[in-house]
Amino acid sequence: MKKFFSLAVAILLFSAIGMAQGPKGRPAKGGQKQQPAIEQMIRELDLDKSQAVKFRDAMRELEPGKGGPQGKPGKQEDLKDKRKEVDKKVKKILNKKQYKKYQKLMP
């Protein structure tokens, strides 16, 4: 019984450590995972400084805990509504060519 308990504790411990890892085994840092993607989109869309600031603010609304949906059950509709709202804001920020490219970049 002691061996079983020790094994169970070891499995839980290693599972917790594994889930806490970010990409390539580095510790995950909350809120920083989406940041590089936004910056990459800004570069690919060739936004000027004014557009970049507005675009960052709009995209950050989709982040959990910062006005975006929290990923709880039943929040799927909230996420769709929030994405539509952000999409409208982004459309006002970008020109037609940038907006078409943005649509291709978005999943």
PDB file of N, CA and C in Angstrom:
ATOM      1  N   MET A   1       0.817  -1.188   0.000  1.00  0.00           N
ATOM      2  CA  MET A   1       0.000   0.000   0.000  1.00  0.00           C
ATOM      3  C   MET A   1       0.867   1.261   0.000  1.00  0.00           C
ATOM      4  N   LYS A   2       1.991   1.208   0.734  1.00  0.00           N
ATOM      5  CA  LYS A   2       2.889   2.348   0.781  1.00  0.00           C
ATOM      6  C   LYS A   2       3.477   2.627  -0.604  1.00  0.00           C
ATOM      7  N   LYS A   3       3.818   1.564  -1.327  1.00  0.00           N
ATOM      8  CA  LYS A   3       4.394   1.726  -2.666  1.00  0.00           C
ATOM      9  C   LYS A   3       3.373   2.365  -3.611  1.00  0.00           C
ATOM     10  N   PHE A   4       2.141   1.926  -3.508  1.00  0.00           N
ATOM     11  CA  PHE A   4       1.087   2.469  -4.362  1.00  0.00           C
ATOM     12  C   PHE A   4       0.898   3.958  -4.088  1.00  0.00           C
ATOM     13  N   PHE A   5       0.865   4.334  -2.817  1.00  0.00           N
ATOM     14  CA  PHE A   5       0.694   5.732  -2.433  1.00  0.00           C
ATOM     15  C   PHE A   5       1.878   6.568  -2.921  1.00  0.00           C
ATOM     16  N   SER A   6       3.087   6.060  -2.753  1.00  0.00           N
ATOM     17  CA  SER A   6       4.281   6.776  -3.203  1.00  0.00           C
ATOM     18  C   SER A   6       4.272   6.946  -4.717  1.00  0.00           C
ATOM     19  N   LEU A   7       3.855   5.902  -5.420  1.00  0.00           N
ATOM     20  CA  LEU A   7       3.781   5.966  -6.870  1.00  0.00           C
ATOM     21  C   LEU A   7       2.738   7.001  -7.304  1.00  0.00           C
ATOM     22  N   ALA A   8       1.597   7.018  -6.654  1.00  0.00           N
ATOM     23  CA  ALA A   8       0.537   7.975  -6.984  1.00  0.00           C
ATOM     24  C   ALA A   8       1.013   9.407  -6.755  1.00  0.00           C
ATOM     25  N   VAL A   9       1.704   9.653  -5.661  1.00  0.00           N
ATOM     26  CA  VAL A   9       2.219  10.990  -5.361  1.00  0.00           C
ATOM     27  C   VAL A   9       3.257  11.394  -6.411  1.00  0.00           C
ATOM     28  N   ALA A  10       4.128  10.465  -6.784  1.00  0.00           N
ATOM     29  CA  ALA A  10       5.151  10.757  -7.792  1.00  0.00           C
ATOM     30  C   ALA A  10       4.512  11.101  -9.137  1.00  0.00           C
ATOM     31  N   ILE A  11       3.493  10.367  -9.526  1.00  0.00           N
ATOM     32  CA  ILE A  11       2.813  10.626 -10.794  1.00  0.00           C
ATOM     33  C   ILE A  11       2.163  12.006 -10.773  1.00  0.00           C
ATOM     34  N   LEU A  12       1.492  12.327  -9.676  1.00  0.00           N
ATOM     35  CA  LEU A  12       0.864  13.647  -9.559  1.00  0.00           C
ATOM     36  C   LEU A  12       1.899  14.766  -9.609  1.00  0.00           C
ATOM     37  N   LEU A  13       3.010  14.570  -8.941  1.00  0.00           N
ATOM     38  CA  LEU A  13       4.065  15.579  -8.900  1.00  0.00           C
ATOM     39  C   LEU A  13       4.632  15.813 -10.300  1.00  0.00           C
ATOM     40  N   PHE A  14       4.977  14.739 -11.004  1.00  0.00           N
ATOM     41  CA  PHE A  14       5.544  14.889 -12.335  1.00  0.00           C
ATOM     42  C   PHE A  14       4.518  15.423 -13.331  1.00  0.00           C
ATOM     43  N   SER A  15       3.260  15.091 -13.143  1.00  0.00           N
ATOM     44  CA  SER A  15       2.213  15.636 -14.018  1.00  0.00           C
ATOM     45  C   SER A  15       2.098  17.143 -13.834  1.00  0.00           C
ATOM     46  N   ALA A  16       2.131  17.589 -12.607  1.00  0.00           N
ATOM     47  CA  ALA A  16       2.036  19.015 -12.315  1.00  0.00           C
ATOM     48  C   ALA A  16       3.234  19.763 -12.893  1.00  0.00           C
ATOM     49  N   ILE A  17       4.400  19.194 -12.775  1.00  0.00           N
ATOM     50  CA  ILE A  17       5.600  19.825 -13.326  1.00  0.00           C
ATOM     51  C   ILE A  17       5.506  19.876 -14.847  1.00  0.00           C
ATOM     52  N   GLY A  18       5.044  18.807 -15.449  1.00  0.00           N
ATOM     53  CA  GLY A  18       4.906  18.763 -16.906  1.00  0.00           C
ATOM     54  C   GLY A  18       3.919  19.777 -17.435  1.00  0.00           C
ATOM     55  N   MET A  19       2.811  19.979 -16.731  1.00  0.00           N
ATOM     56  CA  MET A  19       1.809  20.940 -17.181  1.00  0.00           C
ATOM     57  C   MET A  19       2.274  22.373 -16.992  1.00  0.00           C
ATOM     58  N   ALA A  20       3.177  22.610 -16.078  1.00  0.00           N
ATOM     59  CA  ALA A  20       3.660  23.956 -15.819  1.00  0.00           C
ATOM     60  C   ALA A  20       4.721  24.384 -16.822  1.00  0.00           C
ATOM     61  N   GLN A  21       5.189  23.467 -17.643  1.00  0.00           N
ATOM     62  CA  GLN A  21       6.225  23.784 -18.612  1.00  0.00           C
ATOM     63  C   GLN A  21       5.641  24.503 -19.814  1.00  0.00           C
ATOM     64  N   GLY A  22       6.379  25.446 -20.314  1.00  0.00           N
ATOM     65  CA  GLY A  22       6.012  26.152 -21.539  1.00  0.00           C
ATOM     66  C   GLY A  22       6.660  25.461 -22.720  1.00  0.00           C
ATOM     67  N   PRO A  23       6.758  26.149 -23.847  1.00  0.00           N
ATOM     68  CA  PRO A  23       7.398  25.558 -25.019  1.00  0.00           C
ATOM     69  C   PRO A  23       8.868  25.261 -24.761  1.00  0.00           C
ATOM     70  N   LYS A  24       9.335  24.185 -25.298  1.00  0.00           N
ATOM     71  CA  LYS A  24      10.730  23.747 -25.190  1.00  0.00           C
ATOM     72  C   LYS A  24      11.173  23.554 -23.744  1.00  0.00           C
ATOM     73  N   GLY A  25      10.248  23.194 -22.865  1.00  0.00           N
ATOM     74  CA  GLY A  25      10.602  22.862 -21.494  1.00  0.00           C
ATOM     75  C   GLY A  25      10.817  24.046 -20.581  1.00  0.00           C
ATOM     76  N   ARG A  26      10.624  25.261 -21.087  1.00  0.00           N
ATOM     77  CA  ARG A  26      10.787  26.442 -20.232  1.00  0.00           C
ATOM     78  C   ARG A  26       9.508  26.675 -19.450  1.00  0.00           C
ATOM     79  N   PRO A  27       9.616  27.264 -18.286  1.00  0.00           N
ATOM     80  CA  PRO A  27       8.409  27.551 -17.506  1.00  0.00           C
ATOM     81  C   PRO A  27       7.477  28.489 -18.272  1.00  0.00           C
ATOM     82  N   ALA A  28       6.199  28.211 -18.203  1.00  0.00           N
ATOM     83  CA  ALA A  28       5.209  29.048 -18.878  1.00  0.00           C
ATOM     84  C   ALA A  28       5.019  30.338 -18.099  1.00  0.00           C
ATOM     85  N   LYS A  29       4.816  31.422 -18.813  1.00  0.00           N
ATOM     86  CA  LYS A  29       4.591  32.720 -18.174  1.00  0.00           C
ATOM     87  C   LYS A  29       3.230  33.216 -18.617  1.00  0.00           C
ATOM     88  N   GLY A  30       2.342  33.427 -17.689  1.00  0.00           N
ATOM     89  CA  GLY A  30       0.983  33.840 -18.001  1.00  0.00           C
ATOM     90  C   GLY A  30       0.922  35.162 -18.728  1.00  0.00           C
ATOM     91  N   GLY A  31       0.082  35.233 -19.762  1.00  0.00           N
ATOM     92  CA  GLY A  31      -0.135  36.475 -20.472  1.00  0.00           C
ATOM     93  C   GLY A  31       0.907  36.807 -21.516  1.00  0.00           C
ATOM     94  N   GLN A  32       1.999  36.082 -21.579  1.00  0.00           N
ATOM     95  CA  GLN A  32       3.052  36.407 -22.527  1.00  0.00           C
ATOM     96  C   GLN A  32       3.007  35.519 -23.758  1.00  0.00           C
ATOM     97  N   LYS A  33       2.168  34.513 -23.758  1.00  0.00           N
ATOM     98  CA  LYS A  33       2.118  33.599 -24.886  1.00  0.00           C
ATOM     99  C   LYS A  33       1.528  34.283 -26.115  1.00  0.00           C
ATOM    100  N   GLN A  34       0.519  35.105 -25.953  1.00  0.00           N
ATOM    101  CA  GLN A  34      -0.141  35.737 -27.072  1.00  0.00           C
ATOM    102  C   GLN A  34       0.628  36.958 -27.566  1.00  0.00           C
ATOM    103  N   GLN A  35       1.426  37.560 -26.724  1.00  0.00           N
ATOM    104  CA  GLN A  35       2.133  38.785 -27.067  1.00  0.00           C
ATOM    105  C   GLN A  35       2.995  38.647 -28.317  1.00  0.00           C
ATOM    106  N   PRO A  36       3.846  37.625 -28.448  1.00  0.00           N
ATOM    107  CA  PRO A  36       4.646  37.516 -29.663  1.00  0.00           C
ATOM    108  C   PRO A  36       3.791  37.366 -30.920  1.00  0.00           C
ATOM    109  N   ALA A  37       2.651  36.708 -30.822  1.00  0.00           N
ATOM    110  CA  ALA A  37       1.770  36.542 -31.979  1.00  0.00           C
ATOM    111  C   ALA A  37       1.218  37.898 -32.422  1.00  0.00           C
ATOM    112  N   ILE A  38       0.852  38.739 -31.491  1.00  0.00           N
ATOM    113  CA  ILE A  38       0.346  40.071 -31.826  1.00  0.00           C
ATOM    114  C   ILE A  38       1.446  40.881 -32.496  1.00  0.00           C
ATOM    115  N   GLU A  39       2.649  40.836 -31.929  1.00  0.00           N
ATOM    116  CA  GLU A  39       3.766  41.585 -32.500  1.00  0.00           C
ATOM    117  C   GLU A  39       4.106  41.088 -33.907  1.00  0.00           C
ATOM    118  N   GLN A  40       4.028  39.792 -34.111  1.00  0.00           N
ATOM    119  CA  GLN A  40       4.300  39.230 -35.433  1.00  0.00           C
ATOM    120  C   GLN A  40       3.248  39.711 -36.439  1.00  0.00           C
ATOM    121  N   MET A  41       1.996  39.742 -36.017  1.00  0.00           N
ATOM    122  CA  MET A  41       0.931  40.219 -36.900  1.00  0.00           C
ATOM    123  C   MET A  41       1.150  41.692 -37.255  1.00  0.00           C
ATOM    124  N   ILE A  42       1.594  42.474 -36.291  1.00  0.00           N
ATOM    125  CA  ILE A  42       1.857  43.900 -36.542  1.00  0.00           C
ATOM    126  C   ILE A  42       2.926  44.049 -37.616  1.00  0.00           C
ATOM    127  N   ARG A  43       3.963  43.229 -37.525  1.00  0.00           N
ATOM    128  CA  ARG A  43       5.026  43.284 -38.535  1.00  0.00           C
ATOM    129  C   ARG A  43       4.518  42.826 -39.900  1.00  0.00           C
ATOM    130  N   GLU A  44       3.777  41.724 -39.924  1.00  0.00           N
ATOM    131  CA  GLU A  44       3.292  41.180 -41.191  1.00  0.00           C
ATOM    132  C   GLU A  44       2.268  42.089 -41.862  1.00  0.00           C
ATOM    133  N   LEU A  45       1.480  42.780 -41.065  1.00  0.00           N
ATOM    134  CA  LEU A  45       0.481  43.692 -41.622  1.00  0.00           C
ATOM    135  C   LEU A  45       1.085  45.052 -41.959  1.00  0.00           C
ATOM    136  N   ASP A  46       2.334  45.269 -41.560  1.00  0.00           N
ATOM    137  CA  ASP A  46       3.058  46.511 -41.825  1.00  0.00           C
ATOM    138  C   ASP A  46       2.291  47.727 -41.290  1.00  0.00           C
ATOM    139  N   LEU A  47       1.964  47.667 -40.004  1.00  0.00           N
ATOM    140  CA  LEU A  47       1.196  48.739 -39.379  1.00  0.00           C
ATOM    141  C   LEU A  47       2.111  49.889 -38.971  1.00  0.00           C
ATOM    142  N   ASP A  48       1.583  51.103 -39.062  1.00  0.00           N
ATOM    143  CA  ASP A  48       2.347  52.241 -38.551  1.00  0.00           C
ATOM    144  C   ASP A  48       2.164  52.281 -37.029  1.00  0.00           C
ATOM    145  N   LYS A  49       2.847  53.199 -36.366  1.00  0.00           N
ATOM    146  CA  LYS A  49       2.834  53.229 -34.891  1.00  0.00           C
ATOM    147  C   LYS A  49       1.431  53.439 -34.329  1.00  0.00           C
ATOM    148  N   SER A  50       0.680  54.331 -34.929  1.00  0.00           N
ATOM    149  CA  SER A  50      -0.673  54.605 -34.449  1.00  0.00           C
ATOM    150  C   SER A  50      -1.568  53.369 -34.598  1.00  0.00           C
ATOM    151  N   GLN A  51      -1.484  52.727 -35.761  1.00  0.00           N
ATOM    152  CA  GLN A  51      -2.263  51.511 -35.992  1.00  0.00           C
ATOM    153  C   GLN A  51      -1.838  50.412 -35.028  1.00  0.00           C
ATOM    154  N   ALA A  52      -0.536  50.280 -34.797  1.00  0.00           N
ATOM    155  CA  ALA A  52      -0.015  49.215 -33.940  1.00  0.00           C
ATOM    156  C   ALA A  52      -0.556  49.336 -32.514  1.00  0.00           C
ATOM    157  N   VAL A  53      -0.599  50.554 -31.995  1.00  0.00           N
ATOM    158  CA  VAL A  53      -1.101  50.771 -30.634  1.00  0.00           C
ATOM    159  C   VAL A  53      -2.576  50.369 -30.548  1.00  0.00           C
ATOM    160  N   LYS A  54      -3.369  50.826 -31.501  1.00  0.00           N
ATOM    161  CA  LYS A  54      -4.805  50.515 -31.501  1.00  0.00           C
ATOM    162  C   LYS A  54      -5.041  49.021 -31.706  1.00  0.00           C
ATOM    163  N   PHE A  55      -4.228  48.409 -32.599  1.00  0.00           N
ATOM    164  CA  PHE A  55      -4.364  46.984 -32.893  1.00  0.00           C
ATOM    165  C   PHE A  55      -4.040  46.149 -31.652  1.00  0.00           C
ATOM    166  N   ARG A  56      -2.957  46.491 -30.944  1.00  0.00           N
ATOM    167  CA  ARG A  56      -2.588  45.781 -29.705  1.00  0.00           C
ATOM    168  C   ARG A  56      -3.722  45.848 -28.700  1.00  0.00           C
ATOM    169  N   ASP A  57      -4.263  47.036 -28.514  1.00  0.00           N
ATOM    170  CA  ASP A  57      -5.351  47.201 -27.541  1.00  0.00           C
ATOM    171  C   ASP A  57      -6.562  46.346 -27.913  1.00  0.00           C
ATOM    172  N   ALA A  58      -6.905  46.338 -29.188  1.00  0.00           N
ATOM    173  CA  ALA A  58      -8.058  45.551 -29.633  1.00  0.00           C
ATOM    174  C   ALA A  58      -7.801  44.060 -29.433  1.00  0.00           C
ATOM    175  N   MET A  59      -6.622  43.579 -29.801  1.00  0.00           N
ATOM    176  CA  MET A  59      -6.315  42.155 -29.697  1.00  0.00           C
ATOM    177  C   MET A  59      -6.200  41.698 -28.242  1.00  0.00           C
ATOM    178  N   ARG A  60      -5.764  42.572 -27.378  1.00  0.00           N
ATOM    179  CA  ARG A  60      -5.639  42.208 -25.954  1.00  0.00           C
ATOM    180  C   ARG A  60      -6.990  41.979 -25.301  1.00  0.00           C
ATOM    181  N   GLU A  61      -8.035  42.485 -25.916  1.00  0.00           N
ATOM    182  CA  GLU A  61      -9.380  42.249 -25.381  1.00  0.00           C
ATOM    183  C   GLU A  61      -9.759  40.777 -25.452  1.00  0.00           C
ATOM    184  N   LEU A  62      -9.084  40.028 -26.307  1.00  0.00           N
ATOM    185  CA  LEU A  62      -9.366  38.598 -26.435  1.00  0.00           C
ATOM    186  C   LEU A  62      -8.632  37.763 -25.394  1.00  0.00           C
ATOM    187  N   GLU A  63      -7.665  38.355 -24.697  1.00  0.00           N
ATOM    188  CA  GLU A  63      -6.907  37.605 -23.692  1.00  0.00           C
ATOM    189  C   GLU A  63      -7.771  37.298 -22.483  1.00  0.00           C
ATOM    190  N   PRO A  64      -7.701  36.070 -21.971  1.00  0.00           N
ATOM    191  CA  PRO A  64      -8.455  35.739 -20.750  1.00  0.00           C
ATOM    192  C   PRO A  64      -8.009  36.628 -19.594  1.00  0.00           C
ATOM    193  N   GLY A  65      -8.957  37.103 -18.829  1.00  0.00           N
ATOM    194  CA  GLY A  65      -8.641  37.917 -17.661  1.00  0.00           C
ATOM    195  C   GLY A  65      -8.459  39.384 -17.983  1.00  0.00           C
ATOM    196  N   LYS A  66      -8.472  39.753 -19.259  1.00  0.00           N
ATOM    197  CA  LYS A  66      -8.299  41.158 -19.634  1.00  0.00           C
ATOM    198  C   LYS A  66      -9.473  41.603 -20.491  1.00  0.00           C
ATOM    199  N   GLY A  67     -10.648  41.270 -20.044  1.00  0.00           N
ATOM    200  CA  GLY A  67     -11.841  41.645 -20.786  1.00  0.00           C
ATOM    201  C   GLY A  67     -12.337  40.542 -21.695  1.00  0.00           C
ATOM    202  N   GLY A  68     -11.491  39.554 -21.951  1.00  0.00           N
ATOM    203  CA  GLY A  68     -11.878  38.449 -22.823  1.00  0.00           C
ATOM    204  C   GLY A  68     -12.552  37.350 -22.044  1.00  0.00           C
ATOM    205  N   PRO A  69     -13.149  36.393 -22.749  1.00  0.00           N
ATOM    206  CA  PRO A  69     -13.804  35.265 -22.083  1.00  0.00           C
ATOM    207  C   PRO A  69     -12.810  34.446 -21.260  1.00  0.00           C
ATOM    208  N   GLN A  70     -13.273  33.842 -20.209  1.00  0.00           N
ATOM    209  CA  GLN A  70     -12.406  33.135 -19.279  1.00  0.00           C
ATOM    210  C   GLN A  70     -12.204  31.665 -19.609  1.00  0.00           C
ATOM    211  N   GLY A  71     -12.779  31.144 -20.661  1.00  0.00           N
ATOM    212  CA  GLY A  71     -12.582  29.743 -21.029  1.00  0.00           C
ATOM    213  C   GLY A  71     -13.394  28.775 -20.177  1.00  0.00           C
ATOM    214  N   LYS A  72     -14.439  29.258 -19.533  1.00  0.00           N
ATOM    215  CA  LYS A  72     -15.291  28.406 -18.710  1.00  0.00           C
ATOM    216  C   LYS A  72     -16.369  27.787 -19.587  1.00  0.00           C
ATOM    217  N   PRO A  73     -16.939  26.661 -19.152  1.00  0.00           N
ATOM    218  CA  PRO A  73     -18.022  26.062 -19.935  1.00  0.00           C
ATOM    219  C   PRO A  73     -19.150  27.064 -20.148  1.00  0.00           C
ATOM    220  N   GLY A  74     -19.724  27.049 -21.351  1.00  0.00           N
ATOM    221  CA  GLY A  74     -20.794  27.975 -21.659  1.00  0.00           C
ATOM    222  C   GLY A  74     -20.314  29.326 -22.140  1.00  0.00           C
ATOM    223  N   LYS A  75     -19.025  29.521 -22.225  1.00  0.00           N
ATOM    224  CA  LYS A  75     -18.465  30.803 -22.641  1.00  0.00           C
ATOM    225  C   LYS A  75     -18.126  30.836 -24.129  1.00  0.00           C
ATOM    226  N   GLN A  76     -18.423  29.758 -24.856  1.00  0.00           N
ATOM    227  CA  GLN A  76     -18.111  29.689 -26.285  1.00  0.00           C
ATOM    228  C   GLN A  76     -18.806  30.820 -27.046  1.00  0.00           C
ATOM    229  N   GLU A  77     -20.059  31.076 -26.715  1.00  0.00           N
ATOM    230  CA  GLU A  77     -20.799  32.151 -27.373  1.00  0.00           C
ATOM    231  C   GLU A  77     -20.195  33.507 -27.028  1.00  0.00           C
ATOM    232  N   ASP A  78     -19.757  33.669 -25.781  1.00  0.00           N
ATOM    233  CA  ASP A  78     -19.110  34.919 -25.386  1.00  0.00           C
ATOM    234  C   ASP A  78     -17.851  35.158 -26.203  1.00  0.00           C
ATOM    235  N   LEU A  79     -17.095  34.094 -26.444  1.00  0.00           N
ATOM    236  CA  LEU A  79     -15.869  34.198 -27.232  1.00  0.00           C
ATOM    237  C   LEU A  79     -16.187  34.617 -28.665  1.00  0.00           C
ATOM    238  N   LYS A  80     -17.217  34.011 -29.258  1.00  0.00           N
ATOM    239  CA  LYS A  80     -17.606  34.371 -30.623  1.00  0.00           C
ATOM    240  C   LYS A  80     -18.040  35.838 -30.683  1.00  0.00           C
ATOM    241  N   ASP A  81     -18.830  36.269 -29.700  1.00  0.00           N
ATOM    242  CA  ASP A  81     -19.289  37.654 -29.667  1.00  0.00           C
ATOM    243  C   ASP A  81     -18.117  38.613 -29.504  1.00  0.00           C
ATOM    244  N   LYS A  82     -17.189  38.249 -28.629  1.00  0.00           N
ATOM    245  CA  LYS A  82     -16.024  39.103 -28.383  1.00  0.00           C
ATOM    246  C   LYS A  82     -15.154  39.200 -29.635  1.00  0.00           C
ATOM    247  N   ARG A  83     -14.987  38.071 -30.338  1.00  0.00           N
ATOM    248  CA  ARG A  83     -14.184  38.082 -31.570  1.00  0.00           C
ATOM    249  C   ARG A  83     -14.831  38.963 -32.634  1.00  0.00           C
ATOM    250  N   LYS A  84     -16.167  38.914 -32.737  1.00  0.00           N
ATOM    251  CA  LYS A  84     -16.870  39.764 -33.702  1.00  0.00           C
ATOM    252  C   LYS A  84     -16.667  41.240 -33.356  1.00  0.00           C
ATOM    253  N   GLU A  85     -16.749  41.543 -32.064  1.00  0.00           N
ATOM    254  CA  GLU A  85     -16.563  42.911 -31.592  1.00  0.00           C
ATOM    255  C   GLU A  85     -15.145  43.403 -31.905  1.00  0.00           C
ATOM    256  N   VAL A  86     -14.157  42.569 -31.620  1.00  0.00           N
ATOM    257  CA  VAL A  86     -12.759  42.924 -31.884  1.00  0.00           C
ATOM    258  C   VAL A  86     -12.540  43.050 -33.391  1.00  0.00           C
ATOM    259  N   ASP A  87     -13.152  42.172 -34.163  1.00  0.00           N
ATOM    260  CA  ASP A  87     -13.011  42.212 -35.620  1.00  0.00           C
ATOM    261  C   ASP A  87     -13.521  43.540 -36.182  1.00  0.00           C
ATOM    262  N   LYS A  88     -14.622  44.037 -35.644  1.00  0.00           N
ATOM    263  CA  LYS A  88     -15.158  45.328 -36.081  1.00  0.00           C
ATOM    264  C   LYS A  88     -14.173  46.453 -35.774  1.00  0.00           C
ATOM    265  N   LYS A  89     -13.566  46.412 -34.596  1.00  0.00           N
ATOM    266  CA  LYS A  89     -12.585  47.430 -34.218  1.00  0.00           C
ATOM    267  C   LYS A  89     -11.364  47.360 -35.131  1.00  0.00           C
ATOM    268  N   VAL A  90     -10.898  46.140 -35.391  1.00  0.00           N
ATOM    269  CA  VAL A  90      -9.719  45.953 -36.235  1.00  0.00           C
ATOM    270  C   VAL A  90     -10.001  46.450 -37.646  1.00  0.00           C
ATOM    271  N   LYS A  91     -11.196  46.209 -38.140  1.00  0.00           N
ATOM    272  CA  LYS A  91     -11.557  46.637 -39.489  1.00  0.00           C
ATOM    273  C   LYS A  91     -11.484  48.157 -39.621  1.00  0.00           C
ATOM    274  N   LYS A  92     -11.817  48.872 -38.552  1.00  0.00           N
ATOM    275  CA  LYS A  92     -11.732  50.333 -38.560  1.00  0.00           C
ATOM    276  C   LYS A  92     -10.276  50.811 -38.508  1.00  0.00           C
ATOM    277  N   ILE A  93      -9.398  50.006 -37.902  1.00  0.00           N
ATOM    278  CA  ILE A  93      -7.997  50.388 -37.732  1.00  0.00           C
ATOM    279  C   ILE A  93      -7.197  50.167 -39.018  1.00  0.00           C
ATOM    280  N   LEU A  94      -7.466  49.063 -39.701  1.00  0.00           N
ATOM    281  CA  LEU A  94      -6.680  48.666 -40.863  1.00  0.00           C
ATOM    282  C   LEU A  94      -7.270  49.200 -42.167  1.00  0.00           C
ATOM    283  N   ASN A  95      -6.400  49.328 -43.186  1.00  0.00           N
ATOM    284  CA  ASN A  95      -6.918  49.647 -44.513  1.00  0.00           C
ATOM    285  C   ASN A  95      -7.400  48.347 -45.161  1.00  0.00           C
ATOM    286  N   LYS A  96      -7.981  48.423 -46.350  1.00  0.00           N
ATOM    287  CA  LYS A  96      -8.580  47.233 -46.980  1.00  0.00           C
ATOM    288  C   LYS A  96      -7.554  46.130 -47.230  1.00  0.00           C
ATOM    289  N   LYS A  97      -6.396  46.500 -47.716  1.00  0.00           N
ATOM    290  CA  LYS A  97      -5.349  45.513 -48.015  1.00  0.00           C
ATOM    291  C   LYS A  97      -4.875  44.825 -46.729  1.00  0.00           C
ATOM    292  N   GLN A  98      -4.656  45.613 -45.686  1.00  0.00           N
ATOM    293  CA  GLN A  98      -4.217  45.053 -44.401  1.00  0.00           C
ATOM    294  C   GLN A  98      -5.293  44.162 -43.804  1.00  0.00           C
ATOM    295  N   TYR A  99      -6.551  44.569 -43.934  1.00  0.00           N
ATOM    296  CA  TYR A  99      -7.645  43.787 -43.357  1.00  0.00           C
ATOM    297  C   TYR A  99      -7.774  42.434 -44.048  1.00  0.00           C
ATOM    298  N   LYS A 100      -7.600  42.388 -45.365  1.00  0.00           N
ATOM    299  CA  LYS A 100      -7.647  41.103 -46.078  1.00  0.00           C
ATOM    300  C   LYS A 100      -6.531  40.185 -45.583  1.00  0.00           C
ATOM    301  N   LYS A 101      -5.349  40.758 -45.396  1.00  0.00           N
ATOM    302  CA  LYS A 101      -4.214  39.962 -44.902  1.00  0.00           C
ATOM    303  C   LYS A 101      -4.482  39.496 -43.470  1.00  0.00           C
ATOM    304  N   TYR A 102      -5.068  40.374 -42.666  1.00  0.00           N
ATOM    305  CA  TYR A 102      -5.425  40.036 -41.285  1.00  0.00           C
ATOM    306  C   TYR A 102      -6.377  38.845 -41.250  1.00  0.00           C
ATOM    307  N   GLN A 103      -7.380  38.844 -42.128  1.00  0.00           N
ATOM    308  CA  GLN A 103      -8.338  37.740 -42.173  1.00  0.00           C
ATOM    309  C   GLN A 103      -7.654  36.413 -42.507  1.00  0.00           C
ATOM    310  N   LYS A 104      -6.654  36.448 -43.353  1.00  0.00           N
ATOM    311  CA  LYS A 104      -5.911  35.237 -43.689  1.00  0.00           C
ATOM    312  C   LYS A 104      -5.054  34.764 -42.522  1.00  0.00           C
ATOM    313  N   LEU A 105      -4.555  35.699 -41.719  1.00  0.00           N
ATOM    314  CA  LEU A 105      -3.692  35.352 -40.586  1.00  0.00           C
ATOM    315  C   LEU A 105      -4.479  34.814 -39.388  1.00  0.00           C
ATOM    316  N   MET A 106      -5.726  35.238 -39.268  1.00  0.00           N
ATOM    317  CA  MET A 106      -6.534  34.813 -38.111  1.00  0.00           C
ATOM    318  C   MET A 106      -7.029  33.381 -38.313  1.00  0.00           C
ATOM    319  N   PRO A 107      -6.978  32.586 -37.224  1.00  0.00           N
ATOM    320  CA  PRO A 107      -7.443  31.191 -37.327  1.00  0.00           C
ATOM    321  C   PRO A 107      -8.946  31.082 -37.471  1.00  0.00           C
TER     322      PRO A 107
END
